[in-house]
Amino acid sequence: MPKDEISKLSFEEALARLENLVRELEAGKIKLDDAVSSYEQAVSLKKLCEKKLNDAKLKIEKIETSKNGSKNLTPLDNTDAND
């Protein structure tokens, strides 16, 4: 699967494809060239899943700066109405 097609997958689709590739690689019944190609595709799928998870995490947290200047992530559902 080309990288441009991978980037269009939903998180769930990418995760399912990644799980299938891992099972195939663990079975060890594919040719070396196919295994290398599958590994490269799995890396791309893993990166996409990580990006989508991180993007989702950022949407549900807010960054707060304390009085001493340190940054803290706070879940959005814990915010006060005065923020």
Protein backbone atom coordinates (compact mmCIF):
# COMPACT_ATOMS: atom_id res chain seq x y z
CA MET A 1 0.00 0.00 0.00
CA PRO A 2 1.51 3.36 -1.04
CA LYS A 3 2.22 5.93 1.69
CA ASP A 4 -0.31 8.40 0.27
CA GLU A 5 -3.03 5.76 0.67
CA ILE A 6 -1.88 5.00 4.22
CA SER A 7 -2.22 8.66 5.20
CA LYS A 8 -5.92 8.56 4.23
CA LEU A 9 -6.76 5.68 6.58
CA SER A 10 -8.70 6.17 9.80
CA PHE A 11 -7.00 5.18 13.04
CA GLU A 12 -9.08 1.99 13.23
CA GLU A 13 -8.28 0.98 9.64
CA ALA A 14 -4.57 1.65 10.10
CA LEU A 15 -4.47 -0.30 13.35
CA ALA A 16 -6.25 -3.29 11.80
CA ARG A 17 -3.81 -3.33 8.86
CA LEU A 18 -0.87 -3.01 11.24
CA GLU A 19 -2.12 -5.93 13.33
CA ASN A 20 -2.52 -8.06 10.19
CA LEU A 21 1.00 -7.23 9.02
CA VAL A 22 2.46 -8.09 12.41
CA ARG A 23 0.69 -11.48 12.38
CA GLU A 24 2.04 -12.20 8.89
CA LEU A 25 5.57 -11.21 9.87
CA GLU A 26 5.44 -13.26 13.09
CA ALA A 27 4.24 -16.31 11.16
CA GLY A 28 7.46 -16.16 9.13
CA LYS A 29 5.84 -17.67 6.05
CA ILE A 30 6.47 -14.80 3.64
CA LYS A 31 9.43 -14.26 1.34
CA LEU A 32 12.23 -11.96 2.46
CA ASP A 33 11.43 -9.24 -0.10
CA ASP A 34 7.77 -9.30 0.92
CA ALA A 35 8.75 -9.24 4.60
CA VAL A 36 10.88 -6.14 4.07
CA SER A 37 8.05 -4.43 2.20
CA SER A 38 5.57 -5.44 4.91
CA TYR A 39 7.92 -4.15 7.60
CA GLU A 40 8.22 -0.77 5.86
CA GLN A 41 4.45 -0.57 5.53
CA ALA A 42 4.04 -1.50 9.20
CA VAL A 43 6.39 1.32 10.21
CA SER A 44 4.31 3.81 8.21
CA LEU A 45 1.09 2.50 9.76
CA LYS A 46 2.60 2.71 13.25
CA LYS A 47 3.64 6.33 12.68
CA LEU A 48 0.16 7.21 11.42
CA CYS A 49 -1.50 5.59 14.45
CA GLU A 50 0.87 7.40 16.83
CA LYS A 51 0.18 10.73 15.10
CA LYS A 52 -3.58 10.26 15.25
CA LEU A 53 -3.42 9.31 18.94
CA ASN A 54 -1.22 12.30 19.74
CA ASP A 55 -3.54 14.64 17.80
CA ALA A 56 -6.52 13.29 19.73
CA LYS A 57 -4.69 13.70 23.03
CA LEU A 58 -3.88 17.33 22.26
CA LYS A 59 -7.52 18.01 21.50
CA ILE A 60 -8.63 16.79 24.91
CA GLU A 61 -5.96 18.50 27.02
CA LYS A 62 -5.09 22.11 27.57
CA ILE A 63 -1.71 23.54 28.42
CA GLU A 64 -1.52 25.58 31.60
CA THR A 65 1.42 27.66 32.75
CA SER A 66 1.99 27.74 36.50
CA LYS A 67 3.26 30.79 38.42
CA ASN A 68 6.81 29.43 38.32
CA GLY A 69 6.64 29.12 34.50
CA SER A 70 6.35 25.34 34.26
CA LYS A 71 3.91 23.90 31.75
CA ASN A 72 1.24 21.37 32.74
CA LEU A 73 -1.27 19.45 30.65
CA THR A 74 -4.75 19.41 32.11
CA PRO A 75 -7.74 17.42 30.82
CA LEU A 76 -10.35 19.74 29.36
CA ASP A 77 -13.13 18.22 31.47
CA ASN A 78 -11.41 19.49 34.64
CA THR A 79 -11.46 23.15 33.60
CA ASP A 80 -13.34 25.74 35.59
CA ALA A 81 -15.97 27.92 33.96
CA ASN A 82 -13.78 30.93 34.84
CA ASP A 83 -10.81 29.80 32.67
